[in-house]
Amino acid sequence: RPAFTAGLGLVWILLALAGSPMLGRRMMARLERQYPSPPEGGPVLDAVFVLGGGTELDTQGRPHLGLAGDRVAEAARLWHAGRTRFLVASGRGNDDLHGDRDLGQETRTLWLGLGVPAEAIRVVEPPCFITREEIAADLALSRRQQWERVGLLTSAWHLPRAMELARRAGLRATPLPCDFQGRPRRFRPQELVPQMEGLRLTQLALWERVGRAVGR
């Protein structure tokens, strides 16, 4: 019985750490501080490449902004602000409800709804499943279009891995972070109890480190 009690206590400690929003935000902040928000202004970009992952589908199969939906909204804002001539969407997903999904087309649908004209939107084909494939497709499109100034837009916590993959592939892009998850917040006693938010943030931070280690 003492061994069982000790084991149960260890499991609780590990769960409390993994589910701590404070720890999760700290882990995300370490990733995000590598690329702080860029200043407004500067030269107009030929295109902004927006990595997939910012969309979800409702029960009718219609796209809407997901947890990382700031990627989609920030890209539209940059276009409306005159910061770029084209927006390029990419990505592929697969889930139990909707099966294989073209995240690029989902993003395109949302951009059209946000007032971005069809002629200013490009979608990478065929859809790419992992970040490394998206970067390779973006590089190929950039060369075909002879774009000289391009930006790479994704969640701030995902940007270090994406920029490393871009560097390896030879894609020179301006980093455009959004969707910051690691901002400090006022301590709340309930955060001492494991929470879904903490588990989500910890999982994302660990996934980024694993993805960078294996080059995906």
C-alpha atoms as a PDB file:
ATOM      1  CA  ARG A   1       0.000   0.000   0.000  1.00  0.00           C
ATOM      2  CA  PRO A   2       2.768   2.570   0.719  1.00  0.00           C
ATOM      3  CA  ALA A   3       4.206   1.855  -2.733  1.00  0.00           C
ATOM      4  CA  PHE A   4       0.787   2.362  -4.325  1.00  0.00           C
ATOM      5  CA  THR A   5       0.317   5.645  -2.454  1.00  0.00           C
ATOM      6  CA  ALA A   6       3.777   6.835  -3.493  1.00  0.00           C
ATOM      7  CA  GLY A   7       3.106   5.884  -7.112  1.00  0.00           C
ATOM      8  CA  LEU A   8      -0.219   7.662  -7.092  1.00  0.00           C
ATOM      9  CA  GLY A   9       1.459  10.743  -5.653  1.00  0.00           C
ATOM     10  CA  LEU A  10       4.099  10.668  -8.397  1.00  0.00           C
ATOM     11  CA  VAL A  11       1.428  10.400 -11.080  1.00  0.00           C
ATOM     12  CA  TRP A  12      -0.382  13.385  -9.564  1.00  0.00           C
ATOM     13  CA  ILE A  13       2.816  15.470  -9.522  1.00  0.00           C
ATOM     14  CA  LEU A  14       3.545  14.672 -13.169  1.00  0.00           C
ATOM     15  CA  LEU A  15      -0.036  15.427 -14.170  1.00  0.00           C
ATOM     16  CA  ALA A  16       0.020  18.657 -12.188  1.00  0.00           C
ATOM     17  CA  LEU A  17       3.194  19.774 -13.975  1.00  0.00           C
ATOM     18  CA  ALA A  18       2.029  18.763 -17.459  1.00  0.00           C
ATOM     19  CA  GLY A  19      -1.377  20.354 -16.858  1.00  0.00           C
ATOM     20  CA  SER A  20      -0.079  23.568 -15.353  1.00  0.00           C
ATOM     21  CA  PRO A  21      -1.022  26.605 -17.483  1.00  0.00           C
ATOM     22  CA  MET A  22       1.881  28.499 -15.909  1.00  0.00           C
ATOM     23  CA  LEU A  23       4.403  25.885 -17.047  1.00  0.00           C
ATOM     24  CA  GLY A  24       2.755  25.592 -20.464  1.00  0.00           C
ATOM     25  CA  ARG A  25       2.911  29.352 -21.025  1.00  0.00           C
ATOM     26  CA  ARG A  26       6.549  29.436 -19.937  1.00  0.00           C
ATOM     27  CA  MET A  27       7.443  26.698 -22.413  1.00  0.00           C
ATOM     28  CA  MET A  28       5.595  28.492 -25.199  1.00  0.00           C
ATOM     29  CA  ALA A  29       7.195  31.831 -24.295  1.00  0.00           C
ATOM     30  CA  ARG A  30      10.664  30.306 -24.733  1.00  0.00           C
ATOM     31  CA  LEU A  31       9.751  29.440 -28.307  1.00  0.00           C
ATOM     32  CA  GLU A  32       7.971  32.711 -29.036  1.00  0.00           C
ATOM     33  CA  ARG A  33      10.666  35.082 -27.808  1.00  0.00           C
ATOM     34  CA  GLN A  34      12.889  34.043 -30.713  1.00  0.00           C
ATOM     35  CA  TYR A  35      10.639  36.015 -33.086  1.00  0.00           C
ATOM     36  CA  PRO A  36       8.874  38.936 -31.380  1.00  0.00           C
ATOM     37  CA  SER A  37       6.198  40.865 -33.247  1.00  0.00           C
ATOM     38  CA  PRO A  38       7.738  42.723 -36.211  1.00  0.00           C
ATOM     39  CA  PRO A  39       7.274  46.504 -36.449  1.00  0.00           C
ATOM     40  CA  GLU A  40       4.570  47.852 -38.706  1.00  0.00           C
ATOM     41  CA  GLY A  41       5.689  49.324 -41.993  1.00  0.00           C
ATOM     42  CA  GLY A  42       8.623  48.374 -44.164  1.00  0.00           C
ATOM     43  CA  PRO A  43       8.707  47.341 -47.830  1.00  0.00           C
ATOM     44  CA  VAL A  44       5.649  45.733 -49.391  1.00  0.00           C
ATOM     45  CA  LEU A  45       6.082  41.975 -49.687  1.00  0.00           C
ATOM     46  CA  ASP A  46       5.439  40.179 -52.953  1.00  0.00           C
ATOM     47  CA  ALA A  47       3.693  37.374 -51.068  1.00  0.00           C
ATOM     48  CA  VAL A  48       3.026  36.059 -47.595  1.00  0.00           C
ATOM     49  CA  PHE A  49       3.122  32.285 -47.153  1.00  0.00           C
ATOM     50  CA  VAL A  50       0.648  31.204 -44.472  1.00  0.00           C
ATOM     51  CA  LEU A  51       1.175  27.741 -43.033  1.00  0.00           C
ATOM     52  CA  GLY A  52      -1.897  25.567 -42.495  1.00  0.00           C
ATOM     53  CA  GLY A  53      -3.452  24.736 -39.171  1.00  0.00           C
ATOM     54  CA  GLY A  54      -5.612  27.788 -38.584  1.00  0.00           C
ATOM     55  CA  THR A  55      -8.923  26.326 -39.763  1.00  0.00           C
ATOM     56  CA  GLU A  56     -11.514  23.831 -38.575  1.00  0.00           C
ATOM     57  CA  LEU A  57     -14.768  22.559 -40.084  1.00  0.00           C
ATOM     58  CA  ASP A  58     -18.208  22.760 -38.519  1.00  0.00           C
ATOM     59  CA  THR A  59     -20.722  19.926 -38.624  1.00  0.00           C
ATOM     60  CA  GLN A  60     -21.832  21.055 -42.099  1.00  0.00           C
ATOM     61  CA  GLY A  61     -18.270  20.966 -43.455  1.00  0.00           C
ATOM     62  CA  ARG A  62     -17.925  24.748 -43.537  1.00  0.00           C
ATOM     63  CA  PRO A  63     -14.539  26.221 -42.550  1.00  0.00           C
ATOM     64  CA  HIS A  64     -14.125  28.501 -39.574  1.00  0.00           C
ATOM     65  CA  LEU A  65     -11.195  29.837 -37.553  1.00  0.00           C
ATOM     66  CA  GLY A  66      -9.610  27.220 -35.294  1.00  0.00           C
ATOM     67  CA  LEU A  67      -7.415  27.570 -32.219  1.00  0.00           C
ATOM     68  CA  ALA A  68      -4.596  28.886 -34.423  1.00  0.00           C
ATOM     69  CA  GLY A  69      -7.011  30.966 -36.501  1.00  0.00           C
ATOM     70  CA  ASP A  70      -4.951  34.095 -35.910  1.00  0.00           C
ATOM     71  CA  ARG A  71      -2.784  32.859 -38.803  1.00  0.00           C
ATOM     72  CA  VAL A  72      -5.693  33.350 -41.191  1.00  0.00           C
ATOM     73  CA  ALA A  73      -6.923  36.627 -39.684  1.00  0.00           C
ATOM     74  CA  GLU A  74      -3.460  38.212 -39.453  1.00  0.00           C
ATOM     75  CA  ALA A  75      -2.732  37.407 -43.094  1.00  0.00           C
ATOM     76  CA  ALA A  76      -5.966  39.094 -44.172  1.00  0.00           C
ATOM     77  CA  ARG A  77      -5.091  42.108 -42.023  1.00  0.00           C
ATOM     78  CA  LEU A  78      -1.674  42.396 -43.675  1.00  0.00           C
ATOM     79  CA  TRP A  79      -3.243  42.307 -47.131  1.00  0.00           C
ATOM     80  CA  HIS A  80      -5.832  44.958 -46.244  1.00  0.00           C
ATOM     81  CA  ALA A  81      -3.046  47.090 -44.759  1.00  0.00           C
ATOM     82  CA  GLY A  82      -1.195  46.989 -48.082  1.00  0.00           C
ATOM     83  CA  ARG A  83       1.728  45.006 -46.670  1.00  0.00           C
ATOM     84  CA  THR A  84       1.637  42.276 -49.336  1.00  0.00           C
ATOM     85  CA  ARG A  85       0.413  41.735 -52.886  1.00  0.00           C
ATOM     86  CA  PHE A  86      -0.483  38.041 -52.530  1.00  0.00           C
ATOM     87  CA  LEU A  87      -1.500  35.599 -49.808  1.00  0.00           C
ATOM     88  CA  VAL A  88      -0.511  31.956 -50.228  1.00  0.00           C
ATOM     89  CA  ALA A  89      -2.318  29.194 -48.303  1.00  0.00           C
ATOM     90  CA  SER A  90      -1.160  25.633 -47.788  1.00  0.00           C
ATOM     91  CA  GLY A  91      -1.691  22.594 -45.606  1.00  0.00           C
ATOM     92  CA  ARG A  92      -3.456  19.267 -45.438  1.00  0.00           C
ATOM     93  CA  GLY A  93      -5.361  17.684 -42.562  1.00  0.00           C
ATOM     94  CA  ASN A  94      -7.154  14.476 -41.740  1.00  0.00           C
ATOM     95  CA  ASP A  95      -9.727  13.826 -39.042  1.00  0.00           C
ATOM     96  CA  ASP A  96     -12.269  11.164 -38.160  1.00  0.00           C
ATOM     97  CA  LEU A  97     -15.305  13.311 -38.991  1.00  0.00           C
ATOM     98  CA  HIS A  98     -14.316  14.901 -42.308  1.00  0.00           C
ATOM     99  CA  GLY A  99     -11.485  12.680 -43.559  1.00  0.00           C
ATOM    100  CA  ASP A 100      -8.853  14.221 -45.815  1.00  0.00           C
ATOM    101  CA  ARG A 101      -8.957  18.031 -45.761  1.00  0.00           C
ATOM    102  CA  ASP A 102      -7.371  20.681 -47.984  1.00  0.00           C
ATOM    103  CA  LEU A 103      -6.459  23.333 -45.428  1.00  0.00           C
ATOM    104  CA  GLY A 104      -5.312  25.695 -48.167  1.00  0.00           C
ATOM    105  CA  GLN A 105      -8.767  25.755 -49.731  1.00  0.00           C
ATOM    106  CA  GLU A 106     -10.373  26.185 -46.311  1.00  0.00           C
ATOM    107  CA  THR A 107      -8.133  29.194 -45.696  1.00  0.00           C
ATOM    108  CA  ARG A 108      -8.964  30.596 -49.122  1.00  0.00           C
ATOM    109  CA  THR A 109     -12.682  30.409 -48.349  1.00  0.00           C
ATOM    110  CA  LEU A 110     -12.192  32.367 -45.137  1.00  0.00           C
ATOM    111  CA  TRP A 111     -10.016  34.994 -46.831  1.00  0.00           C
ATOM    112  CA  LEU A 112     -12.701  35.559 -49.454  1.00  0.00           C
ATOM    113  CA  GLY A 113     -15.185  36.070 -46.635  1.00  0.00           C
ATOM    114  CA  LEU A 114     -12.785  38.567 -45.053  1.00  0.00           C
ATOM    115  CA  GLY A 115     -12.729  40.662 -48.210  1.00  0.00           C
ATOM    116  CA  VAL A 116      -9.509  39.487 -49.839  1.00  0.00           C
ATOM    117  CA  PRO A 117     -10.109  39.255 -53.614  1.00  0.00           C
ATOM    118  CA  ALA A 118      -9.655  35.917 -55.361  1.00  0.00           C
ATOM    119  CA  GLU A 119      -6.930  37.319 -57.623  1.00  0.00           C
ATOM    120  CA  ALA A 120      -4.764  38.061 -54.575  1.00  0.00           C
ATOM    121  CA  ILE A 121      -4.940  34.481 -53.260  1.00  0.00           C
ATOM    122  CA  ARG A 122      -2.837  31.477 -54.211  1.00  0.00           C
ATOM    123  CA  VAL A 123      -3.268  27.939 -52.861  1.00  0.00           C
ATOM    124  CA  VAL A 124      -0.417  25.445 -52.890  1.00  0.00           C
ATOM    125  CA  GLU A 125      -1.261  22.271 -54.794  1.00  0.00           C
ATOM    126  CA  PRO A 126      -1.162  19.422 -54.044  1.00  0.00           C
ATOM    127  CA  PRO A 127      -1.911  19.888 -50.336  1.00  0.00           C
ATOM    128  CA  CYS A 128       1.102  19.384 -48.059  1.00  0.00           C
ATOM    129  CA  PHE A 129       0.817  17.467 -44.788  1.00  0.00           C
ATOM    130  CA  ILE A 130       3.960  18.473 -42.866  1.00  0.00           C
ATOM    131  CA  THR A 131       5.726  21.804 -42.493  1.00  0.00           C
ATOM    132  CA  ARG A 132       8.788  20.691 -44.431  1.00  0.00           C
ATOM    133  CA  GLU A 133       6.598  19.904 -47.456  1.00  0.00           C
ATOM    134  CA  GLU A 134       4.830  23.264 -47.175  1.00  0.00           C
ATOM    135  CA  ILE A 135       8.175  25.078 -47.158  1.00  0.00           C
ATOM    136  CA  ALA A 136       9.372  23.171 -50.227  1.00  0.00           C
ATOM    137  CA  ALA A 137       6.145  23.979 -52.087  1.00  0.00           C
ATOM    138  CA  ASP A 138       6.355  27.643 -51.081  1.00  0.00           C
ATOM    139  CA  LEU A 139       9.936  27.822 -52.337  1.00  0.00           C
ATOM    140  CA  ALA A 140       8.974  26.279 -55.689  1.00  0.00           C
ATOM    141  CA  LEU A 141       6.080  28.720 -56.102  1.00  0.00           C
ATOM    142  CA  SER A 142       8.264  31.677 -55.147  1.00  0.00           C
ATOM    143  CA  ARG A 143      10.792  30.736 -57.809  1.00  0.00           C
ATOM    144  CA  ARG A 144       8.121  30.246 -60.483  1.00  0.00           C
ATOM    145  CA  GLN A 145       6.573  33.624 -59.713  1.00  0.00           C
ATOM    146  CA  GLN A 146       9.998  35.270 -59.327  1.00  0.00           C
ATOM    147  CA  TRP A 147       8.998  36.772 -56.001  1.00  0.00           C
ATOM    148  CA  GLU A 148      11.898  38.529 -54.304  1.00  0.00           C
ATOM    149  CA  ARG A 149      10.351  39.655 -51.003  1.00  0.00           C
ATOM    150  CA  VAL A 150       8.250  37.068 -49.212  1.00  0.00           C
ATOM    151  CA  GLY A 151       7.063  36.564 -45.651  1.00  0.00           C
ATOM    152  CA  LEU A 152       6.453  33.390 -43.677  1.00  0.00           C
ATOM    153  CA  LEU A 153       3.461  33.678 -41.357  1.00  0.00           C
ATOM    154  CA  THR A 154       2.568  31.167 -38.683  1.00  0.00           C
ATOM    155  CA  SER A 155       2.035  30.920 -34.937  1.00  0.00           C
ATOM    156  CA  ALA A 156       4.907  32.457 -32.987  1.00  0.00           C
ATOM    157  CA  TRP A 157       5.566  29.174 -31.184  1.00  0.00           C
ATOM    158  CA  HIS A 158       5.769  27.356 -34.542  1.00  0.00           C
ATOM    159  CA  LEU A 159       7.917  29.963 -36.274  1.00  0.00           C
ATOM    160  CA  PRO A 160      11.360  28.843 -34.972  1.00  0.00           C
ATOM    161  CA  ARG A 161      10.887  25.388 -36.515  1.00  0.00           C
ATOM    162  CA  ALA A 162       9.393  26.817 -39.712  1.00  0.00           C
ATOM    163  CA  MET A 163      12.210  29.341 -40.176  1.00  0.00           C
ATOM    164  CA  GLU A 164      14.837  26.656 -39.578  1.00  0.00           C
ATOM    165  CA  LEU A 165      13.230  24.497 -42.264  1.00  0.00           C
ATOM    166  CA  ALA A 166      13.063  27.517 -44.585  1.00  0.00           C
ATOM    167  CA  ARG A 167      16.759  28.231 -44.004  1.00  0.00           C
ATOM    168  CA  ARG A 168      17.688  24.640 -44.807  1.00  0.00           C
ATOM    169  CA  ALA A 169      15.568  24.685 -47.971  1.00  0.00           C
ATOM    170  CA  GLY A 170      16.978  28.011 -49.166  1.00  0.00           C
ATOM    171  CA  LEU A 171      13.779  30.038 -48.756  1.00  0.00           C
ATOM    172  CA  ARG A 172      14.644  33.549 -47.629  1.00  0.00           C
ATOM    173  CA  ALA A 173      11.576  34.914 -45.891  1.00  0.00           C
ATOM    174  CA  THR A 174      10.645  37.608 -43.416  1.00  0.00           C
ATOM    175  CA  PRO A 175       9.329  35.963 -40.214  1.00  0.00           C
ATOM    176  CA  LEU A 176       5.773  37.049 -39.406  1.00  0.00           C
ATOM    177  CA  PRO A 177       4.676  35.737 -35.986  1.00  0.00           C
ATOM    178  CA  CYS A 178       1.122  35.698 -34.678  1.00  0.00           C
ATOM    179  CA  ASP A 179      -1.049  33.654 -32.300  1.00  0.00           C
ATOM    180  CA  PHE A 180       1.117  34.254 -29.222  1.00  0.00           C
ATOM    181  CA  GLN A 181       0.289  31.766 -26.447  1.00  0.00           C
ATOM    182  CA  GLY A 182       3.041  32.433 -23.924  1.00  0.00           C
ATOM    183  CA  ARG A 183       2.137  35.880 -22.618  1.00  0.00           C
ATOM    184  CA  PRO A 184       2.317  35.988 -18.807  1.00  0.00           C
ATOM    185  CA  ARG A 185      -0.931  36.262 -16.897  1.00  0.00           C
ATOM    186  CA  ARG A 186      -1.888  37.091 -13.352  1.00  0.00           C
ATOM    187  CA  PHE A 187      -1.628  34.073 -11.072  1.00  0.00           C
ATOM    188  CA  ARG A 188      -4.914  32.393 -10.186  1.00  0.00           C
ATOM    189  CA  PRO A 189      -5.130  29.740  -7.433  1.00  0.00           C
ATOM    190  CA  GLN A 190      -7.119  27.396  -9.695  1.00  0.00           C
ATOM    191  CA  GLU A 191      -4.046  27.061 -11.918  1.00  0.00           C
ATOM    192  CA  LEU A 192      -2.538  24.826  -9.237  1.00  0.00           C
ATOM    193  CA  VAL A 193      -5.002  22.181 -10.422  1.00  0.00           C
ATOM    194  CA  PRO A 194      -4.164  20.425 -13.757  1.00  0.00           C
ATOM    195  CA  GLN A 195      -6.137  21.976 -16.614  1.00  0.00           C
ATOM    196  CA  MET A 196      -6.782  21.222 -20.263  1.00  0.00           C
ATOM    197  CA  GLU A 197      -5.181  24.522 -21.263  1.00  0.00           C
ATOM    198  CA  GLY A 198      -1.953  23.530 -19.541  1.00  0.00           C
ATOM    199  CA  LEU A 199      -1.916  20.114 -21.201  1.00  0.00           C
ATOM    200  CA  ARG A 200      -2.567  21.695 -24.605  1.00  0.00           C
ATOM    201  CA  LEU A 201       0.238  24.241 -24.262  1.00  0.00           C
ATOM    202  CA  THR A 202       2.705  21.693 -22.926  1.00  0.00           C
ATOM    203  CA  GLN A 203       1.864  19.293 -25.762  1.00  0.00           C
ATOM    204  CA  LEU A 204       2.348  22.010 -28.394  1.00  0.00           C
ATOM    205  CA  ALA A 205       5.682  23.106 -26.948  1.00  0.00           C
ATOM    206  CA  LEU A 206       6.992  19.535 -26.757  1.00  0.00           C
ATOM    207  CA  TRP A 207       5.717  18.761 -30.258  1.00  0.00           C
ATOM    208  CA  GLU A 208       7.637  21.721 -31.667  1.00  0.00           C
ATOM    209  CA  ARG A 209      10.850  20.531 -30.072  1.00  0.00           C
ATOM    210  CA  VAL A 210      10.364  16.990 -31.347  1.00  0.00           C
ATOM    211  CA  GLY A 211       9.454  18.252 -34.832  1.00  0.00           C
ATOM    212  CA  ARG A 212      12.560  20.415 -34.978  1.00  0.00           C
ATOM    213  CA  ALA A 213      14.760  17.542 -33.804  1.00  0.00           C
ATOM    214  CA  VAL A 214      13.530  15.238 -36.587  1.00  0.00           C
ATOM    215  CA  GLY A 215      13.440  17.953 -39.274  1.00  0.00           C
ATOM    216  CA  ARG A 216       9.692  17.925 -39.965  1.00  0.00           C
END
